[in-house]
Amino acid sequence: MEYDFYWISGSPNAWRAMLTLEHKGIYYRSHRLDPGNQEQKSPAFLELNPLGKVPVLKHGNVVIAESIAIMAYLERVHPQPPLFGVTAAETGLIWQRIFEFVNSLRDVIDDGVVRPLSQGAMLNDTDALKMAANSIYASLDRMETTLGTFDYLAGNKVSAADFTVLPNLLMLIRIGSRTDVLALKMNLNEIRSRYSAIDSWLARLEALPAFDAAYPPHWRLS
């Protein structure tokens, strides 16, 4: 059975699932949706995911609509190369890193900075933005310590933890480099220069063939 993968360019959730597909060398039919035309809200797509969100993976009669669930499903069907560990200790640490990100960093990045700025809001509410940025930096400090010891977030091999964190962090750096955001002096554009171990980790991930294959197409144009 072939896979059908529904995604939107630049969606961190879709990006991490696509990284998994590409890293495992899985053939899939690509269905890129246009959010400008609200294709993710079309009746046909809502039959797949009533929430109207990407990504969605369809494999025969199986339909999965959460990015990390998609990653876990692909791991069971295609265990090589492993992204969720081989030993119990590896698997436990990978899931720990994923949930550390989900519980402590993801929402601060998305809801505290990226989404408000993407929607043109909060440019005048610098206190709230800087509070969110300070919380992000506290998490990045801990990540820097981890990556000072290991090549990747859960050891010395790339894992689902890395693919989970990477898209949101690159989205943060990208929006932090906008001219209007630079004026707020949150220094989000300086994350890579501020954190040398994180920068090296990002460079290792960017060197993977899957990174280029899954890179948001519209980012190449802007």
C-alpha atoms as a PDB file:
ATOM      1  CA  MET A   1       0.000   0.000   0.000  1.00  0.00           C
ATOM      2  CA  GLU A   2       1.228   3.454  -0.865  1.00  0.00           C
ATOM      3  CA  TYR A   3       1.208   6.464   1.393  1.00  0.00           C
ATOM      4  CA  ASP A   4      -0.600   9.731   0.781  1.00  0.00           C
ATOM      5  CA  PHE A   5       0.809  12.672   2.718  1.00  0.00           C
ATOM      6  CA  TYR A   6      -1.065  15.965   3.067  1.00  0.00           C
ATOM      7  CA  TRP A   7       0.931  18.987   4.128  1.00  0.00           C
ATOM      8  CA  ILE A   8       1.392  22.754   4.033  1.00  0.00           C
ATOM      9  CA  SER A   9       4.750  24.341   3.278  1.00  0.00           C
ATOM     10  CA  GLY A  10       6.306  25.787   6.426  1.00  0.00           C
ATOM     11  CA  SER A  11       4.067  23.943   8.871  1.00  0.00           C
ATOM     12  CA  PRO A  12       6.428  22.648  11.586  1.00  0.00           C
ATOM     13  CA  ASN A  13       4.108  19.731  12.268  1.00  0.00           C
ATOM     14  CA  ALA A  14       4.042  18.664   8.634  1.00  0.00           C
ATOM     15  CA  TRP A  15       7.773  19.281   8.339  1.00  0.00           C
ATOM     16  CA  ARG A  16       8.733  16.850  11.118  1.00  0.00           C
ATOM     17  CA  ALA A  17       6.557  14.116   9.631  1.00  0.00           C
ATOM     18  CA  MET A  18       8.027  14.725   6.179  1.00  0.00           C
ATOM     19  CA  LEU A  19      11.546  14.561   7.620  1.00  0.00           C
ATOM     20  CA  THR A  20      10.671  11.106   8.917  1.00  0.00           C
ATOM     21  CA  LEU A  21       9.328   9.955   5.555  1.00  0.00           C
ATOM     22  CA  GLU A  22      12.398  11.229   3.743  1.00  0.00           C
ATOM     23  CA  HIS A  23      14.931   9.953   6.288  1.00  0.00           C
ATOM     24  CA  LYS A  24      13.460   6.470   6.085  1.00  0.00           C
ATOM     25  CA  GLY A  25      13.366   6.594   2.290  1.00  0.00           C
ATOM     26  CA  ILE A  26       9.629   5.939   2.133  1.00  0.00           C
ATOM     27  CA  TYR A  27       7.858   6.630  -1.140  1.00  0.00           C
ATOM     28  CA  TYR A  28       4.709   8.716  -0.724  1.00  0.00           C
ATOM     29  CA  ARG A  29       2.281  10.675  -2.850  1.00  0.00           C
ATOM     30  CA  SER A  30       2.623  14.323  -1.944  1.00  0.00           C
ATOM     31  CA  HIS A  31      -0.472  16.484  -1.538  1.00  0.00           C
ATOM     32  CA  ARG A  32       0.615  20.039  -0.822  1.00  0.00           C
ATOM     33  CA  LEU A  33      -2.329  22.120   0.341  1.00  0.00           C
ATOM     34  CA  ASP A  34      -2.690  25.843  -0.248  1.00  0.00           C
ATOM     35  CA  PRO A  35      -3.695  27.587   2.996  1.00  0.00           C
ATOM     36  CA  GLY A  36      -4.368  30.764   1.033  1.00  0.00           C
ATOM     37  CA  ASN A  37      -7.296  28.971  -0.564  1.00  0.00           C
ATOM     38  CA  GLN A  38      -8.192  27.190   2.692  1.00  0.00           C
ATOM     39  CA  GLU A  39      -7.698  23.811   1.060  1.00  0.00           C
ATOM     40  CA  GLN A  40      -7.219  22.289   4.508  1.00  0.00           C
ATOM     41  CA  LYS A  41     -10.834  23.244   5.228  1.00  0.00           C
ATOM     42  CA  SER A  42     -12.268  21.666   2.078  1.00  0.00           C
ATOM     43  CA  PRO A  43     -14.946  18.976   2.504  1.00  0.00           C
ATOM     44  CA  ALA A  44     -12.627  16.346   1.010  1.00  0.00           C
ATOM     45  CA  PHE A  45      -9.842  17.120   3.454  1.00  0.00           C
ATOM     46  CA  LEU A  46     -12.187  17.423   6.435  1.00  0.00           C
ATOM     47  CA  GLU A  47     -13.225  13.841   5.761  1.00  0.00           C
ATOM     48  CA  LEU A  48      -9.618  12.891   6.509  1.00  0.00           C
ATOM     49  CA  ASN A  49      -9.169  15.240   9.452  1.00  0.00           C
ATOM     50  CA  PRO A  50     -12.258  17.007  10.824  1.00  0.00           C
ATOM     51  CA  LEU A  51      -9.948  19.456  12.616  1.00  0.00           C
ATOM     52  CA  GLY A  52      -8.783  20.799   9.258  1.00  0.00           C
ATOM     53  CA  LYS A  53      -5.106  20.638  10.184  1.00  0.00           C
ATOM     54  CA  VAL A  54      -1.982  19.163   8.652  1.00  0.00           C
ATOM     55  CA  PRO A  55      -0.231  16.835   8.455  1.00  0.00           C
ATOM     56  CA  VAL A  56      -2.331  13.850   7.537  1.00  0.00           C
ATOM     57  CA  LEU A  57      -0.925  10.480   6.518  1.00  0.00           C
ATOM     58  CA  LYS A  58      -3.142   7.966   4.728  1.00  0.00           C
ATOM     59  CA  HIS A  59      -1.952   4.375   4.384  1.00  0.00           C
ATOM     60  CA  GLY A  60      -4.655   2.139   3.022  1.00  0.00           C
ATOM     61  CA  ASN A  61      -7.537   2.438   5.469  1.00  0.00           C
ATOM     62  CA  VAL A  62      -5.330   3.962   8.157  1.00  0.00           C
ATOM     63  CA  VAL A  63      -5.528   7.746   8.555  1.00  0.00           C
ATOM     64  CA  ILE A  64      -3.342   9.528  11.117  1.00  0.00           C
ATOM     65  CA  ALA A  65      -3.533  13.260  11.728  1.00  0.00           C
ATOM     66  CA  GLU A  66      -0.946  14.116  14.401  1.00  0.00           C
ATOM     67  CA  SER A  67       2.687  14.607  13.447  1.00  0.00           C
ATOM     68  CA  ILE A  68       4.359  12.664  16.260  1.00  0.00           C
ATOM     69  CA  ALA A  69       1.775   9.888  15.924  1.00  0.00           C
ATOM     70  CA  ILE A  70       2.666   9.732  12.216  1.00  0.00           C
ATOM     71  CA  MET A  71       6.334   9.439  13.128  1.00  0.00           C
ATOM     72  CA  ALA A  72       5.621   6.608  15.571  1.00  0.00           C
ATOM     73  CA  TYR A  73       3.433   4.807  13.016  1.00  0.00           C
ATOM     74  CA  LEU A  74       6.124   4.998  10.355  1.00  0.00           C
ATOM     75  CA  GLU A  75       8.659   3.661  12.846  1.00  0.00           C
ATOM     76  CA  ARG A  76       6.560   0.549  13.438  1.00  0.00           C
ATOM     77  CA  VAL A  77       5.992  -0.084   9.746  1.00  0.00           C
ATOM     78  CA  HIS A  78       9.523   0.882   8.673  1.00  0.00           C
ATOM     79  CA  PRO A  79      11.851   0.303  11.653  1.00  0.00           C
ATOM     80  CA  GLN A  80      15.021   1.087   9.703  1.00  0.00           C
ATOM     81  CA  PRO A  81      16.778   3.379  10.184  1.00  0.00           C
ATOM     82  CA  PRO A  82      15.471   3.633  13.749  1.00  0.00           C
ATOM     83  CA  LEU A  83      14.324   7.029  14.989  1.00  0.00           C
ATOM     84  CA  PHE A  84      12.793   5.933  18.292  1.00  0.00           C
ATOM     85  CA  GLY A  85      15.752   3.958  19.593  1.00  0.00           C
ATOM     86  CA  VAL A  86      16.680   0.288  19.725  1.00  0.00           C
ATOM     87  CA  THR A  87      17.067  -0.339  23.443  1.00  0.00           C
ATOM     88  CA  ALA A  88      14.523   0.512  26.118  1.00  0.00           C
ATOM     89  CA  ALA A  89      16.863   3.160  27.507  1.00  0.00           C
ATOM     90  CA  GLU A  90      17.221   4.819  24.096  1.00  0.00           C
ATOM     91  CA  THR A  91      13.477   4.792  23.482  1.00  0.00           C
ATOM     92  CA  GLY A  92      12.752   6.211  26.919  1.00  0.00           C
ATOM     93  CA  LEU A  93      15.226   9.061  26.489  1.00  0.00           C
ATOM     94  CA  ILE A  94      13.920   9.934  23.017  1.00  0.00           C
ATOM     95  CA  TRP A  95      10.343  10.154  24.292  1.00  0.00           C
ATOM     96  CA  GLN A  96      11.551  12.152  27.286  1.00  0.00           C
ATOM     97  CA  ARG A  97      13.191  14.704  24.992  1.00  0.00           C
ATOM     98  CA  ILE A  98      10.073  14.883  22.815  1.00  0.00           C
ATOM     99  CA  PHE A  99       7.814  15.586  25.781  1.00  0.00           C
ATOM    100  CA  GLU A 100      10.269  18.049  27.309  1.00  0.00           C
ATOM    101  CA  PHE A 101       9.930  20.016  24.096  1.00  0.00           C
ATOM    102  CA  VAL A 102       6.158  19.616  23.832  1.00  0.00           C
ATOM    103  CA  ASN A 103       5.549  20.555  27.466  1.00  0.00           C
ATOM    104  CA  SER A 104       8.151  23.281  27.968  1.00  0.00           C
ATOM    105  CA  LEU A 105       9.117  24.911  24.693  1.00  0.00           C
ATOM    106  CA  ARG A 106       6.798  24.293  21.754  1.00  0.00           C
ATOM    107  CA  ASP A 107       3.849  26.385  22.914  1.00  0.00           C
ATOM    108  CA  VAL A 108       6.091  29.231  24.052  1.00  0.00           C
ATOM    109  CA  ILE A 109       7.641  29.359  20.589  1.00  0.00           C
ATOM    110  CA  ASP A 110       4.387  28.963  18.680  1.00  0.00           C
ATOM    111  CA  ASP A 111       1.864  30.804  20.834  1.00  0.00           C
ATOM    112  CA  GLY A 112       4.222  33.236  22.533  1.00  0.00           C
ATOM    113  CA  VAL A 113       6.227  34.421  19.537  1.00  0.00           C
ATOM    114  CA  VAL A 114       5.749  32.848  16.105  1.00  0.00           C
ATOM    115  CA  ARG A 115       1.971  32.879  15.724  1.00  0.00           C
ATOM    116  CA  PRO A 116       1.398  36.396  17.130  1.00  0.00           C
ATOM    117  CA  LEU A 117       4.145  37.860  14.964  1.00  0.00           C
ATOM    118  CA  SER A 118       3.036  35.924  11.880  1.00  0.00           C
ATOM    119  CA  GLN A 119      -0.445  37.361  12.317  1.00  0.00           C
ATOM    120  CA  GLY A 120       0.888  40.886  12.802  1.00  0.00           C
ATOM    121  CA  ALA A 121      -0.124  41.020  16.439  1.00  0.00           C
ATOM    122  CA  MET A 122       1.777  41.955  19.577  1.00  0.00           C
ATOM    123  CA  LEU A 123       4.421  44.090  17.884  1.00  0.00           C
ATOM    124  CA  ASN A 124       3.530  46.754  20.422  1.00  0.00           C
ATOM    125  CA  ASP A 125       3.282  44.336  23.360  1.00  0.00           C
ATOM    126  CA  THR A 126       7.010  44.041  23.839  1.00  0.00           C
ATOM    127  CA  ASP A 127       6.732  42.943  27.466  1.00  0.00           C
ATOM    128  CA  ALA A 128       4.783  39.793  26.574  1.00  0.00           C
ATOM    129  CA  LEU A 129       7.108  39.012  23.689  1.00  0.00           C
ATOM    130  CA  LYS A 130      10.233  39.484  25.774  1.00  0.00           C
ATOM    131  CA  MET A 131       8.787  37.327  28.543  1.00  0.00           C
ATOM    132  CA  ALA A 132       8.211  34.561  26.002  1.00  0.00           C
ATOM    133  CA  ALA A 133      11.718  35.048  24.606  1.00  0.00           C
ATOM    134  CA  ASN A 134      13.235  34.752  28.084  1.00  0.00           C
ATOM    135  CA  SER A 135      11.403  31.472  28.618  1.00  0.00           C
ATOM    136  CA  ILE A 136      12.687  30.240  25.265  1.00  0.00           C
ATOM    137  CA  TYR A 137      16.249  31.165  26.158  1.00  0.00           C
ATOM    138  CA  ALA A 138      15.989  29.257  29.448  1.00  0.00           C
ATOM    139  CA  SER A 139      15.021  26.117  27.505  1.00  0.00           C
ATOM    140  CA  LEU A 140      17.751  26.716  24.940  1.00  0.00           C
ATOM    141  CA  ASP A 141      20.297  27.023  27.750  1.00  0.00           C
ATOM    142  CA  ARG A 142      19.398  23.491  28.827  1.00  0.00           C
ATOM    143  CA  MET A 143      19.475  22.256  25.244  1.00  0.00           C
ATOM    144  CA  GLU A 144      22.922  23.783  24.781  1.00  0.00           C
ATOM    145  CA  THR A 145      24.180  21.838  27.797  1.00  0.00           C
ATOM    146  CA  THR A 146      22.823  18.573  26.383  1.00  0.00           C
ATOM    147  CA  LEU A 147      24.320  19.208  22.955  1.00  0.00           C
ATOM    148  CA  GLY A 148      27.651  20.078  24.527  1.00  0.00           C
ATOM    149  CA  THR A 149      27.882  16.392  25.477  1.00  0.00           C
ATOM    150  CA  PHE A 150      26.040  14.622  22.659  1.00  0.00           C
ATOM    151  CA  ASP A 151      25.756  15.128  18.903  1.00  0.00           C
ATOM    152  CA  TYR A 152      21.964  14.924  19.031  1.00  0.00           C
ATOM    153  CA  LEU A 153      19.239  15.566  21.585  1.00  0.00           C
ATOM    154  CA  ALA A 154      18.960  11.948  22.736  1.00  0.00           C
ATOM    155  CA  GLY A 155      22.492  10.677  22.198  1.00  0.00           C
ATOM    156  CA  ASN A 156      24.936  10.423  19.344  1.00  0.00           C
ATOM    157  CA  LYS A 157      22.453   9.270  16.704  1.00  0.00           C
ATOM    158  CA  VAL A 158      19.736  11.311  15.043  1.00  0.00           C
ATOM    159  CA  SER A 159      16.302  10.505  16.426  1.00  0.00           C
ATOM    160  CA  ALA A 160      12.665  11.521  16.415  1.00  0.00           C
ATOM    161  CA  ALA A 161      13.517  14.024  19.150  1.00  0.00           C
ATOM    162  CA  ASP A 162      15.688  16.000  16.737  1.00  0.00           C
ATOM    163  CA  PHE A 163      13.069  15.948  13.992  1.00  0.00           C
ATOM    164  CA  THR A 164      10.459  17.080  16.519  1.00  0.00           C
ATOM    165  CA  VAL A 165      12.366  20.154  17.704  1.00  0.00           C
ATOM    166  CA  LEU A 166      14.117  21.244  14.492  1.00  0.00           C
ATOM    167  CA  PRO A 167      11.167  22.747  12.533  1.00  0.00           C
ATOM    168  CA  ASN A 168       9.901  24.945  15.352  1.00  0.00           C
ATOM    169  CA  LEU A 169      13.360  26.226  16.183  1.00  0.00           C
ATOM    170  CA  LEU A 170      14.135  27.120  12.570  1.00  0.00           C
ATOM    171  CA  MET A 171      10.748  28.820  12.272  1.00  0.00           C
ATOM    172  CA  LEU A 172      11.603  30.873  15.359  1.00  0.00           C
ATOM    173  CA  ILE A 173      14.976  31.909  13.951  1.00  0.00           C
ATOM    174  CA  ARG A 174      13.404  32.773  10.608  1.00  0.00           C
ATOM    175  CA  ILE A 175      10.731  35.038  12.049  1.00  0.00           C
ATOM    176  CA  GLY A 176      13.253  36.504  14.477  1.00  0.00           C
ATOM    177  CA  SER A 177      15.263  37.725  11.489  1.00  0.00           C
ATOM    178  CA  ARG A 178      12.426  39.852  10.103  1.00  0.00           C
ATOM    179  CA  THR A 179      13.179  43.566  10.060  1.00  0.00           C
ATOM    180  CA  ASP A 180      10.209  44.493  12.244  1.00  0.00           C
ATOM    181  CA  VAL A 181      11.135  41.818  14.790  1.00  0.00           C
ATOM    182  CA  LEU A 182      14.795  42.858  14.836  1.00  0.00           C
ATOM    183  CA  ALA A 183      13.623  46.278  16.011  1.00  0.00           C
ATOM    184  CA  LEU A 184      12.201  44.641  19.151  1.00  0.00           C
ATOM    185  CA  LYS A 185      15.729  43.603  20.183  1.00  0.00           C
ATOM    186  CA  MET A 186      14.788  40.089  21.279  1.00  0.00           C
ATOM    187  CA  ASN A 187      17.903  38.831  19.448  1.00  0.00           C
ATOM    188  CA  LEU A 188      16.150  35.721  18.147  1.00  0.00           C
ATOM    189  CA  ASN A 189      18.173  36.057  14.956  1.00  0.00           C
ATOM    190  CA  GLU A 190      21.316  35.492  17.030  1.00  0.00           C
ATOM    191  CA  ILE A 191      20.359  32.095  18.451  1.00  0.00           C
ATOM    192  CA  ARG A 192      22.888  30.242  16.314  1.00  0.00           C
ATOM    193  CA  SER A 193      25.733  32.594  17.170  1.00  0.00           C
ATOM    194  CA  ARG A 194      24.770  32.639  20.849  1.00  0.00           C
ATOM    195  CA  TYR A 195      24.600  28.842  21.201  1.00  0.00           C
ATOM    196  CA  SER A 196      27.543  27.129  19.531  1.00  0.00           C
ATOM    197  CA  ALA A 197      26.466  23.567  20.354  1.00  0.00           C
ATOM    198  CA  ILE A 198      22.950  24.201  19.029  1.00  0.00           C
ATOM    199  CA  ASP A 199      24.451  25.718  15.891  1.00  0.00           C
ATOM    200  CA  SER A 200      26.606  22.616  15.348  1.00  0.00           C
ATOM    201  CA  TRP A 201      23.588  20.377  15.934  1.00  0.00           C
ATOM    202  CA  LEU A 202      21.560  22.337  13.382  1.00  0.00           C
ATOM    203  CA  ALA A 203      24.418  22.062  10.889  1.00  0.00           C
ATOM    204  CA  ARG A 204      24.500  18.275  11.319  1.00  0.00           C
ATOM    205  CA  LEU A 205      20.767  18.055  10.675  1.00  0.00           C
ATOM    206  CA  GLU A 206      20.973  20.423   7.712  1.00  0.00           C
ATOM    207  CA  ALA A 207      23.573  18.103   6.163  1.00  0.00           C
ATOM    208  CA  LEU A 208      21.126  15.183   6.084  1.00  0.00           C
ATOM    209  CA  PRO A 209      19.618  14.420   2.651  1.00  0.00           C
ATOM    210  CA  ALA A 210      16.191  14.397   4.304  1.00  0.00           C
ATOM    211  CA  PHE A 211      16.604  18.014   5.353  1.00  0.00           C
ATOM    212  CA  ASP A 212      16.942  19.291   1.806  1.00  0.00           C
ATOM    213  CA  ALA A 213      14.107  17.068   0.570  1.00  0.00           C
ATOM    214  CA  ALA A 214      11.709  18.258   3.283  1.00  0.00           C
ATOM    215  CA  TYR A 215      12.738  21.920   3.379  1.00  0.00           C
ATOM    216  CA  PRO A 216       9.698  24.222   2.987  1.00  0.00           C
ATOM    217  CA  PRO A 217       9.540  25.104  -0.729  1.00  0.00           C
ATOM    218  CA  HIS A 218       8.289  28.648  -0.212  1.00  0.00           C
ATOM    219  CA  TRP A 219      11.207  29.406   2.118  1.00  0.00           C
ATOM    220  CA  ARG A 220      13.537  29.022  -0.853  1.00  0.00           C
ATOM    221  CA  LEU A 221      11.748  31.919  -2.511  1.00  0.00           C
ATOM    222  CA  SER A 222      11.917  34.415   0.345  1.00  0.00           C
END
